[in-house]
All heavy atoms as atom14 arrays in JSON, in Angstrom:
{
  "sequence": "VVGIGIHPKSRSRLIAAALAASVLAAAVTAGDRFSERRAVATESDR",
  "atom14_mask": [
    [1, 1, 1, 1, 1, 1, 1, 0, 0, 0, 0, 0, 0, 0],
    [1, 1, 1, 1, 1, 1, 1, 0, 0, 0, 0, 0, 0, 0],
    [1, 1, 1, 1, 0, 0, 0, 0, 0, 0, 0, 0, 0, 0],
    [1, 1, 1, 1, 1, 1, 1, 1, 0, 0, 0, 0, 0, 0],
    [1, 1, 1, 1, 0, 0, 0, 0, 0, 0, 0, 0, 0, 0],
    [1, 1, 1, 1, 1, 1, 1, 1, 0, 0, 0, 0, 0, 0],
    [1, 1, 1, 1, 1, 1, 1, 1, 1, 1, 0, 0, 0, 0],
    [1, 1, 1, 1, 1, 1, 1, 0, 0, 0, 0, 0, 0, 0],
    [1, 1, 1, 1, 1, 1, 1, 1, 1, 0, 0, 0, 0, 0],
    [1, 1, 1, 1, 1, 1, 0, 0, 0, 0, 0, 0, 0, 0],
    [1, 1, 1, 1, 1, 1, 1, 1, 1, 1, 1, 0, 0, 0],
    [1, 1, 1, 1, 1, 1, 0, 0, 0, 0, 0, 0, 0, 0],
    [1, 1, 1, 1, 1, 1, 1, 1, 1, 1, 1, 0, 0, 0],
    [1, 1, 1, 1, 1, 1, 1, 1, 0, 0, 0, 0, 0, 0],
    [1, 1, 1, 1, 1, 1, 1, 1, 0, 0, 0, 0, 0, 0],
    [1, 1, 1, 1, 1, 0, 0, 0, 0, 0, 0, 0, 0, 0],
    [1, 1, 1, 1, 1, 0, 0, 0, 0, 0, 0, 0, 0, 0],
    [1, 1, 1, 1, 1, 0, 0, 0, 0, 0, 0, 0, 0, 0],
    [1, 1, 1, 1, 1, 1, 1, 1, 0, 0, 0, 0, 0, 0],
    [1, 1, 1, 1, 1, 0, 0, 0, 0, 0, 0, 0, 0, 0],
    [1, 1, 1, 1, 1, 0, 0, 0, 0, 0, 0, 0, 0, 0],
    [1, 1, 1, 1, 1, 1, 0, 0, 0, 0, 0, 0, 0, 0],
    [1, 1, 1, 1, 1, 1, 1, 0, 0, 0, 0, 0, 0, 0],
    [1, 1, 1, 1, 1, 1, 1, 1, 0, 0, 0, 0, 0, 0],
    [1, 1, 1, 1, 1, 0, 0, 0, 0, 0, 0, 0, 0, 0],
    [1, 1, 1, 1, 1, 0, 0, 0, 0, 0, 0, 0, 0, 0],
    [1, 1, 1, 1, 1, 0, 0, 0, 0, 0, 0, 0, 0, 0],
    [1, 1, 1, 1, 1, 1, 1, 0, 0, 0, 0, 0, 0, 0],
    [1, 1, 1, 1, 1, 1, 1, 0, 0, 0, 0, 0, 0, 0],
    [1, 1, 1, 1, 1, 0, 0, 0, 0, 0, 0, 0, 0, 0],
    [1, 1, 1, 1, 0, 0, 0, 0, 0, 0, 0, 0, 0, 0],
    [1, 1, 1, 1, 1, 1, 1, 1, 0, 0, 0, 0, 0, 0],
    [1, 1, 1, 1, 1, 1, 1, 1, 1, 1, 1, 0, 0, 0],
    [1, 1, 1, 1, 1, 1, 1, 1, 1, 1, 1, 0, 0, 0],
    [1, 1, 1, 1, 1, 1, 0, 0, 0, 0, 0, 0, 0, 0],
    [1, 1, 1, 1, 1, 1, 1, 1, 1, 0, 0, 0, 0, 0],
    [1, 1, 1, 1, 1, 1, 1, 1, 1, 1, 1, 0, 0, 0],
    [1, 1, 1, 1, 1, 1, 1, 1, 1, 1, 1, 0, 0, 0],
    [1, 1, 1, 1, 1, 0, 0, 0, 0, 0, 0, 0, 0, 0],
    [1, 1, 1, 1, 1, 1, 1, 0, 0, 0, 0, 0, 0, 0],
    [1, 1, 1, 1, 1, 0, 0, 0, 0, 0, 0, 0, 0, 0],
    [1, 1, 1, 1, 1, 1, 1, 0, 0, 0, 0, 0, 0, 0],
    [1, 1, 1, 1, 1, 1, 1, 1, 1, 0, 0, 0, 0, 0],
    [1, 1, 1, 1, 1, 1, 0, 0, 0, 0, 0, 0, 0, 0],
    [1, 1, 1, 1, 1, 1, 1, 1, 0, 0, 0, 0, 0, 0],
    [1, 1, 1, 1, 1, 1, 1, 1, 1, 1, 1, 0, 0, 0]
  ],
  "atom14_positions": [
    [[114.88, -98.79, -77.11], [113.92, -97.76, -76.82], [114.56, -96.82, -75.81], [115.11, -97.27, -74.82], [112.62, -98.34, -76.24], [111.67, -97.22, -75.83], [111.98, -99.27, -77.22], [0.0, 0.0, 0.0], [0.0, 0.0, 0.0], [0.0, 0.0, 0.0], [0.0, 0.0, 0.0], [0.0, 0.0, 0.0], [0.0, 0.0, 0.0], [0.0, 0.0, 0.0]],
    [[114.5, -95.57, -76.11], [115.04, -94.6, -75.19], [113.88, -93.95, -74.47], [112.96, -93.43, -75.11], [115.87, -93.52, -75.93], [116.37, -92.46, -74.96], [117.0, -94.15, -76.68], [0.0, 0.0, 0.0], [0.0, 0.0, 0.0], [0.0, 0.0, 0.0], [0.0, 0.0, 0.0], [0.0, 0.0, 0.0], [0.0, 0.0, 0.0], [0.0, 0.0, 0.0]],
    [[113.87, -93.95, -73.22], [112.83, -93.33, -72.44], [113.38, -92.11, -71.74], [114.52, -92.11, -71.31], [0.0, 0.0, 0.0], [0.0, 0.0, 0.0], [0.0, 0.0, 0.0], [0.0, 0.0, 0.0], [0.0, 0.0, 0.0], [0.0, 0.0, 0.0], [0.0, 0.0, 0.0], [0.0, 0.0, 0.0], [0.0, 0.0, 0.0], [0.0, 0.0, 0.0]],
    [[112.58, -91.11, -71.64], [113.02, -89.91, -70.95], [112.02, -89.64, -69.84], [110.82, -89.54, -70.09], [113.08, -88.71, -71.91], [114.06, -89.01, -73.04], [113.45, -87.43, -71.16], [114.12, -87.94, -74.07], [0.0, 0.0, 0.0], [0.0, 0.0, 0.0], [0.0, 0.0, 0.0], [0.0, 0.0, 0.0], [0.0, 0.0, 0.0], [0.0, 0.0, 0.0]],
    [[112.51, -89.49, -68.71], [111.65, -89.16, -67.59], [111.66, -87.65, -67.39], [112.71, -87.02, -67.47], [0.0, 0.0, 0.0], [0.0, 0.0, 0.0], [0.0, 0.0, 0.0], [0.0, 0.0, 0.0], [0.0, 0.0, 0.0], [0.0, 0.0, 0.0], [0.0, 0.0, 0.0], [0.0, 0.0, 0.0], [0.0, 0.0, 0.0], [0.0, 0.0, 0.0]],
    [[110.52, -87.09, -67.18], [110.43, -85.65, -67.0], [110.05, -85.38, -65.56], [109.07, -85.94, -65.04], [109.4, -85.04, -67.96], [109.83, -85.35, -69.4], [109.26, -83.54, -67.73], [108.84, -84.9, -70.42], [0.0, 0.0, 0.0], [0.0, 0.0, 0.0], [0.0, 0.0, 0.0], [0.0, 0.0, 0.0], [0.0, 0.0, 0.0], [0.0, 0.0, 0.0]],
    [[110.82, -84.51, -64.95], [110.57, -84.13, -63.58], [109.25, -83.36, -63.53], [108.95, -82.59, -64.44], [111.74, -83.27, -63.08], [111.72, -83.04, -61.62], [110.97, -82.05, -61.02], [112.37, -83.67, -60.6], [111.15, -82.07, -59.73], [112.01, -83.05, -59.44], [0.0, 0.0, 0.0], [0.0, 0.0, 0.0], [0.0, 0.0, 0.0], [0.0, 0.0, 0.0]],
    [[108.44, -83.51, -62.51], [107.16, -82.82, -62.43], [107.28, -81.3, -62.6], [106.43, -80.68, -63.23], [106.65, -83.16, -61.03], [107.3, -84.45, -60.69], [108.63, -84.44, -61.39], [0.0, 0.0, 0.0], [0.0, 0.0, 0.0], [0.0, 0.0, 0.0], [0.0, 0.0, 0.0], [0.0, 0.0, 0.0], [0.0, 0.0, 0.0], [0.0, 0.0, 0.0]],
    [[108.33, -80.67, -62.07], [108.5, -79.23, -62.24], [108.74, -78.91, -63.72], [108.22, -77.95, -64.27], [109.68, -78.71, -61.42], [109.37, -78.55, -59.97], [110.57, -77.91, -59.29], [110.31, -77.73, -57.82], [111.46, -77.16, -57.16], [0.0, 0.0, 0.0], [0.0, 0.0, 0.0], [0.0, 0.0, 0.0], [0.0, 0.0, 0.0], [0.0, 0.0, 0.0]],
    [[109.53, -79.73, -64.39], [109.81, -79.52, -65.82], [108.55, -79.75, -66.64], [108.32, -79.07, -67.64], [110.9, -80.48, -66.29], [112.12, -80.22, -65.64], [0.0, 0.0, 0.0], [0.0, 0.0, 0.0], [0.0, 0.0, 0.0], [0.0, 0.0, 0.0], [0.0, 0.0, 0.0], [0.0, 0.0, 0.0], [0.0, 0.0, 0.0], [0.0, 0.0, 0.0]],
    [[107.76, -80.73, -66.21], [106.52, -81.02, -66.92], [105.59, -79.81, -66.88], [104.99, -79.43, -67.88], [105.83, -82.24, -66.29], [104.65, -82.71, -67.11], [103.97, -83.92, -66.51], [104.93, -84.96, -66.21], [104.69, -85.99, -65.42], [103.52, -86.11, -64.86], [105.6, -86.9, -65.18], [0.0, 0.0, 0.0], [0.0, 0.0, 0.0], [0.0, 0.0, 0.0]],
    [[105.49, -79.15, -65.76], [104.66, -77.95, -65.63], [105.18, -76.85, -66.54], [104.42, -76.14, -67.19], [104.67, -77.44, -64.19], [104.11, -78.4, -63.34], [0.0, 0.0, 0.0], [0.0, 0.0, 0.0], [0.0, 0.0, 0.0], [0.0, 0.0, 0.0], [0.0, 0.0, 0.0], [0.0, 0.0, 0.0], [0.0, 0.0, 0.0], [0.0, 0.0, 0.0]],
    [[106.5, -76.72, -66.57], [107.09, -75.71, -67.45], [106.82, -76.06, -68.92], [106.54, -75.18, -69.73], [108.59, -75.61, -67.21], [108.92, -74.94, -65.92], [110.43, -74.78, -65.8], [110.76, -74.54, -64.4], [111.8, -75.06, -63.78], [112.63, -75.86, -64.43], [112.03, -74.79, -62.52], [0.0, 0.0, 0.0], [0.0, 0.0, 0.0], [0.0, 0.0, 0.0]],
    [[106.96, -77.31, -69.24], [106.72, -77.75, -70.61], [105.27, -77.54, -71.01], [104.97, -77.06, -72.1], [107.1, -79.23, -70.76], [107.17, -79.79, -72.16], [108.16, -79.01, -73.0], [107.57, -81.25, -72.11], [0.0, 0.0, 0.0], [0.0, 0.0, 0.0], [0.0, 0.0, 0.0], [0.0, 0.0, 0.0], [0.0, 0.0, 0.0], [0.0, 0.0, 0.0]],
    [[104.35, -77.84, -70.12], [102.93, -77.62, -70.39], [102.66, -76.13, -70.54], [101.94, -75.69, -71.45], [102.06, -78.25, -69.27], [102.13, -79.77, -69.36], [100.61, -77.77, -69.37], [101.5, -80.5, -68.19], [0.0, 0.0, 0.0], [0.0, 0.0, 0.0], [0.0, 0.0, 0.0], [0.0, 0.0, 0.0], [0.0, 0.0, 0.0], [0.0, 0.0, 0.0]],
    [[103.26, -75.32, -69.66], [103.09, -73.86, -69.74], [103.66, -73.35, -71.06], [103.07, -72.48, -71.72], [103.75, -73.18, -68.55], [0.0, 0.0, 0.0], [0.0, 0.0, 0.0], [0.0, 0.0, 0.0], [0.0, 0.0, 0.0], [0.0, 0.0, 0.0], [0.0, 0.0, 0.0], [0.0, 0.0, 0.0], [0.0, 0.0, 0.0], [0.0, 0.0, 0.0]],
    [[104.82, -73.87, -71.46], [105.44, -73.45, -72.72], [104.57, -73.87, -73.9], [104.38, -73.1, -74.85], [106.84, -74.04, -72.85], [0.0, 0.0, 0.0], [0.0, 0.0, 0.0], [0.0, 0.0, 0.0], [0.0, 0.0, 0.0], [0.0, 0.0, 0.0], [0.0, 0.0, 0.0], [0.0, 0.0, 0.0], [0.0, 0.0, 0.0], [0.0, 0.0, 0.0]],
    [[104.02, -75.09, -73.85], [103.15, -75.57, -74.93], [101.88, -74.73, -74.98], [101.4, -74.36, -76.07], [102.81, -77.04, -74.73], [0.0, 0.0, 0.0], [0.0, 0.0, 0.0], [0.0, 0.0, 0.0], [0.0, 0.0, 0.0], [0.0, 0.0, 0.0], [0.0, 0.0, 0.0], [0.0, 0.0, 0.0], [0.0, 0.0, 0.0], [0.0, 0.0, 0.0]],
    [[101.34, -74.41, -73.81], [100.15, -73.57, -73.76], [100.46, -72.18, -74.3], [99.68, -71.62, -75.08], [99.62, -73.5, -72.32], [98.31, -72.76, -72.11], [97.2, -73.4, -72.93], [97.95, -72.75, -70.64], [0.0, 0.0, 0.0], [0.0, 0.0, 0.0], [0.0, 0.0, 0.0], [0.0, 0.0, 0.0], [0.0, 0.0, 0.0], [0.0, 0.0, 0.0]],
    [[101.59, -71.62, -73.93], [101.99, -70.29, -74.42], [102.19, -70.33, -75.93], [101.78, -69.41, -76.65], [103.27, -69.83, -73.72], [0.0, 0.0, 0.0], [0.0, 0.0, 0.0], [0.0, 0.0, 0.0], [0.0, 0.0, 0.0], [0.0, 0.0, 0.0], [0.0, 0.0, 0.0], [0.0, 0.0, 0.0], [0.0, 0.0, 0.0], [0.0, 0.0, 0.0]],
    [[102.79, -71.4, -76.43], [103.0, -71.54, -77.88], [101.66, -71.65, -78.59], [101.47, -71.06, -79.67], [103.88, -72.75, -78.17], [0.0, 0.0, 0.0], [0.0, 0.0, 0.0], [0.0, 0.0, 0.0], [0.0, 0.0, 0.0], [0.0, 0.0, 0.0], [0.0, 0.0, 0.0], [0.0, 0.0, 0.0], [0.0, 0.0, 0.0], [0.0, 0.0, 0.0]],
    [[100.71, -72.37, -78.0], [99.38, -72.5, -78.59], [98.66, -71.15, -78.62], [98.03, -70.79, -79.62], [98.53, -73.5, -77.81], [99.08, -74.78, -77.9], [0.0, 0.0, 0.0], [0.0, 0.0, 0.0], [0.0, 0.0, 0.0], [0.0, 0.0, 0.0], [0.0, 0.0, 0.0], [0.0, 0.0, 0.0], [0.0, 0.0, 0.0], [0.0, 0.0, 0.0]],
    [[98.75, -70.4, -77.52], [98.12, -69.09, -77.46], [98.77, -68.16, -78.48], [98.08, -67.41, -79.2], [98.2, -68.5, -76.03], [97.82, -67.02, -76.0], [97.32, -69.3, -75.08], [0.0, 0.0, 0.0], [0.0, 0.0, 0.0], [0.0, 0.0, 0.0], [0.0, 0.0, 0.0], [0.0, 0.0, 0.0], [0.0, 0.0, 0.0], [0.0, 0.0, 0.0]],
    [[100.11, -68.22, -78.56], [100.83, -67.39, -79.52], [100.43, -67.76, -80.96], [100.18, -66.88, -81.79], [102.34, -67.54, -79.33], [103.22, -66.7, -80.25], [102.95, -65.22, -80.03], [104.68, -67.0, -80.01], [0.0, 0.0, 0.0], [0.0, 0.0, 0.0], [0.0, 0.0, 0.0], [0.0, 0.0, 0.0], [0.0, 0.0, 0.0], [0.0, 0.0, 0.0]],
    [[100.34, -69.05, -81.26], [99.95, -69.49, -82.59], [98.53, -69.02, -82.91], [98.24, -68.56, -84.03], [100.05, -71.01, -82.71], [0.0, 0.0, 0.0], [0.0, 0.0, 0.0], [0.0, 0.0, 0.0], [0.0, 0.0, 0.0], [0.0, 0.0, 0.0], [0.0, 0.0, 0.0], [0.0, 0.0, 0.0], [0.0, 0.0, 0.0], [0.0, 0.0, 0.0]],
    [[97.62, -69.12, -81.93], [96.25, -68.66, -82.14], [96.22, -67.15, -82.36], [95.5, -66.65, -83.24], [95.38, -69.04, -80.94], [0.0, 0.0, 0.0], [0.0, 0.0, 0.0], [0.0, 0.0, 0.0], [0.0, 0.0, 0.0], [0.0, 0.0, 0.0], [0.0, 0.0, 0.0], [0.0, 0.0, 0.0], [0.0, 0.0, 0.0], [0.0, 0.0, 0.0]],
    [[97.03, -66.41, -81.61], [97.08, -64.96, -81.78], [97.65, -64.58, -83.14], [97.14, -63.68, -83.82], [97.91, -64.33, -80.66], [0.0, 0.0, 0.0], [0.0, 0.0, 0.0], [0.0, 0.0, 0.0], [0.0, 0.0, 0.0], [0.0, 0.0, 0.0], [0.0, 0.0, 0.0], [0.0, 0.0, 0.0], [0.0, 0.0, 0.0], [0.0, 0.0, 0.0]],
    [[98.7, -65.29, -83.55], [99.29, -65.02, -84.86], [98.29, -65.34, -85.96], [98.11, -64.57, -86.91], [100.61, -65.81, -85.05], [101.06, -65.8, -86.5], [101.69, -65.25, -84.15], [0.0, 0.0, 0.0], [0.0, 0.0, 0.0], [0.0, 0.0, 0.0], [0.0, 0.0, 0.0], [0.0, 0.0, 0.0], [0.0, 0.0, 0.0], [0.0, 0.0, 0.0]],
    [[97.59, -66.46, -85.84], [96.59, -66.85, -86.84], [95.46, -65.82, -86.89], [95.04, -65.38, -87.96], [96.02, -68.25, -86.52], [97.1, -69.18, -86.54], [94.97, -68.66, -87.54], [0.0, 0.0, 0.0], [0.0, 0.0, 0.0], [0.0, 0.0, 0.0], [0.0, 0.0, 0.0], [0.0, 0.0, 0.0], [0.0, 0.0, 0.0], [0.0, 0.0, 0.0]],
    [[94.97, -65.42, -85.72], [93.9, -64.41, -85.68], [94.4, -63.08, -86.25], [93.69, -62.43, -87.02], [93.41, -64.22, -84.25], [0.0, 0.0, 0.0], [0.0, 0.0, 0.0], [0.0, 0.0, 0.0], [0.0, 0.0, 0.0], [0.0, 0.0, 0.0], [0.0, 0.0, 0.0], [0.0, 0.0, 0.0], [0.0, 0.0, 0.0], [0.0, 0.0, 0.0]],
    [[95.61, -62.7, -85.88], [96.18, -61.46, -86.42], [96.37, -61.54, -87.92], [96.1, -60.57, -88.65], [0.0, 0.0, 0.0], [0.0, 0.0, 0.0], [0.0, 0.0, 0.0], [0.0, 0.0, 0.0], [0.0, 0.0, 0.0], [0.0, 0.0, 0.0], [0.0, 0.0, 0.0], [0.0, 0.0, 0.0], [0.0, 0.0, 0.0], [0.0, 0.0, 0.0]],
    [[96.8, -62.72, -88.37], [96.98, -62.92, -89.81], [95.64, -62.82, -90.54], [95.54, -62.17, -91.58], [97.64, -64.27, -90.07], [98.0, -64.48, -91.52], [98.57, -63.55, -92.12], [97.7, -65.57, -92.05], [0.0, 0.0, 0.0], [0.0, 0.0, 0.0], [0.0, 0.0, 0.0], [0.0, 0.0, 0.0], [0.0, 0.0, 0.0], [0.0, 0.0, 0.0]],
    [[94.62, -63.45, -89.99], [93.29, -63.38, -90.6], [92.76, -61.95, -90.59], [92.17, -61.5, -91.57], [92.31, -64.31, -89.88], [92.56, -65.75, -90.2], [91.51, -66.63, -89.56], [91.8, -68.02, -89.84], [91.42, -69.01, -89.08], [90.7, -68.77, -87.99], [91.71, -70.25, -89.39], [0.0, 0.0, 0.0], [0.0, 0.0, 0.0], [0.0, 0.0, 0.0]],
    [[92.96, -61.25, -89.48], [92.53, -59.85, -89.39], [93.27, -59.01, -90.43], [92.67, -58.21, -91.14], [92.76, -59.31, -87.97], [92.45, -57.85, -87.85], [91.14, -57.41, -87.77], [93.47, -56.9, -87.83], [90.84, -56.06, -87.66], [93.19, -55.55, -87.73], [91.88, -55.13, -87.64], [0.0, 0.0, 0.0], [0.0, 0.0, 0.0], [0.0, 0.0, 0.0]],
    [[94.58, -59.21, -90.49], [95.38, -58.46, -91.47], [94.95, -58.79, -92.9], [94.87, -57.9, -93.74], [96.87, -58.8, -91.31], [97.34, -58.34, -90.07], [0.0, 0.0, 0.0], [0.0, 0.0, 0.0], [0.0, 0.0, 0.0], [0.0, 0.0, 0.0], [0.0, 0.0, 0.0], [0.0, 0.0, 0.0], [0.0, 0.0, 0.0], [0.0, 0.0, 0.0]],
    [[94.67, -60.06, -93.14], [94.23, -60.47, -94.48], [92.88, -59.82, -94.82], [92.72, -59.27, -95.91], [94.12, -61.99, -94.55], [93.7, -62.5, -95.91], [93.59, -64.02, -95.95], [94.17, -64.7, -95.09], [92.89, -64.51, -96.85], [0.0, 0.0, 0.0], [0.0, 0.0, 0.0], [0.0, 0.0, 0.0], [0.0, 0.0, 0.0], [0.0, 0.0, 0.0]],
    [[91.94, -59.88, -93.88], [90.64, -59.26, -94.12], [90.78, -57.76, -94.33], [90.13, -57.19, -95.2], [89.68, -59.53, -92.95], [89.05, -60.89, -93.02], [87.92, -61.02, -91.99], [88.09, -62.32, -91.36], [88.33, -62.53, -90.08], [88.37, -61.52, -89.24], [88.49, -63.73, -89.61], [0.0, 0.0, 0.0], [0.0, 0.0, 0.0], [0.0, 0.0, 0.0]],
    [[91.64, -57.16, -93.54], [91.85, -55.71, -93.67], [92.5, -55.38, -95.01], [92.1, -54.42, -95.68], [92.72, -55.21, -92.53], [92.83, -53.72, -92.51], [93.52, -53.25, -91.28], [93.51, -51.8, -91.27], [93.72, -51.09, -90.23], [93.95, -51.67, -89.08], [93.72, -49.78, -90.3], [0.0, 0.0, 0.0], [0.0, 0.0, 0.0], [0.0, 0.0, 0.0]],
    [[93.46, -56.19, -95.43], [94.12, -55.98, -96.73], [93.12, -56.18, -97.87], [93.09, -55.39, -98.82], [95.31, -56.92, -96.89], [0.0, 0.0, 0.0], [0.0, 0.0, 0.0], [0.0, 0.0, 0.0], [0.0, 0.0, 0.0], [0.0, 0.0, 0.0], [0.0, 0.0, 0.0], [0.0, 0.0, 0.0], [0.0, 0.0, 0.0], [0.0, 0.0, 0.0]],
    [[92.28, -57.19, -97.76], [91.27, -57.44, -98.79], [90.27, -56.29, -98.83], [89.9, -55.8, -99.9], [90.56, -58.8, -98.55], [89.31, -58.93, -99.41], [91.51, -59.95, -98.84], [0.0, 0.0, 0.0], [0.0, 0.0, 0.0], [0.0, 0.0, 0.0], [0.0, 0.0, 0.0], [0.0, 0.0, 0.0], [0.0, 0.0, 0.0], [0.0, 0.0, 0.0]],
    [[89.85, -55.83, -97.66], [88.9, -54.71, -97.61], [89.53, -53.45, -98.19], [88.88, -52.72, -98.94], [88.44, -54.48, -96.17], [0.0, 0.0, 0.0], [0.0, 0.0, 0.0], [0.0, 0.0, 0.0], [0.0, 0.0, 0.0], [0.0, 0.0, 0.0], [0.0, 0.0, 0.0], [0.0, 0.0, 0.0], [0.0, 0.0, 0.0], [0.0, 0.0, 0.0]],
    [[90.79, -53.19, -97.84], [91.48, -52.01, -98.37], [91.61, -52.09, -99.88], [91.34, -51.12, -100.6], [92.88, -51.88, -97.72], [92.72, -51.73, -96.31], [93.64, -50.69, -98.28], [0.0, 0.0, 0.0], [0.0, 0.0, 0.0], [0.0, 0.0, 0.0], [0.0, 0.0, 0.0], [0.0, 0.0, 0.0], [0.0, 0.0, 0.0], [0.0, 0.0, 0.0]],
    [[92.0, -53.25, -100.38], [92.15, -53.43, -101.84], [90.8, -53.34, -102.54], [90.68, -52.76, -103.6], [92.82, -54.78, -102.14], [93.2, -54.97, -103.57], [94.26, -54.0, -104.08], [94.89, -53.29, -103.29], [94.45, -53.94, -105.31], [0.0, 0.0, 0.0], [0.0, 0.0, 0.0], [0.0, 0.0, 0.0], [0.0, 0.0, 0.0], [0.0, 0.0, 0.0]],
    [[89.78, -53.9, -101.9], [88.43, -53.83, -102.46], [87.97, -52.37, -102.56], [87.41, -51.95, -103.57], [87.47, -54.64, -101.6], [86.16, -54.55, -102.1], [0.0, 0.0, 0.0], [0.0, 0.0, 0.0], [0.0, 0.0, 0.0], [0.0, 0.0, 0.0], [0.0, 0.0, 0.0], [0.0, 0.0, 0.0], [0.0, 0.0, 0.0], [0.0, 0.0, 0.0]],
    [[88.22, -51.59, -101.51], [87.87, -50.17, -101.53], [88.63, -49.43, -102.61], [88.08, -48.59, -103.31], [88.15, -49.52, -100.16], [87.2, -49.99, -99.07], [86.16, -50.61, -99.41], [87.51, -49.75, -97.88], [0.0, 0.0, 0.0], [0.0, 0.0, 0.0], [0.0, 0.0, 0.0], [0.0, 0.0, 0.0], [0.0, 0.0, 0.0], [0.0, 0.0, 0.0]],
    [[89.92, -49.75, -102.75], [90.75, -49.1, -103.76], [90.24, -49.43, -105.16], [90.11, -48.55, -106.02], [92.2, -49.54, -103.61], [93.18, -48.82, -104.52], [94.61, -49.32, -104.32], [94.82, -50.59, -104.97], [95.05, -50.74, -106.27], [95.09, -49.71, -107.06], [95.24, -51.94, -106.78], [0.0, 0.0, 0.0], [0.0, 0.0, 0.0], [0.0, 0.0, 0.0]]
  ]
}
């Protein structure tokens, strides 16, 4: 078993990075849904 110890400063950075990645993923998903709805609305109008 390989164990890795994470320094508390690194842990904060890792949590911040994970949080940033989650926010980015949520923004991309929301943007994708908005773009999809907009594309569907545009095509529907056409």
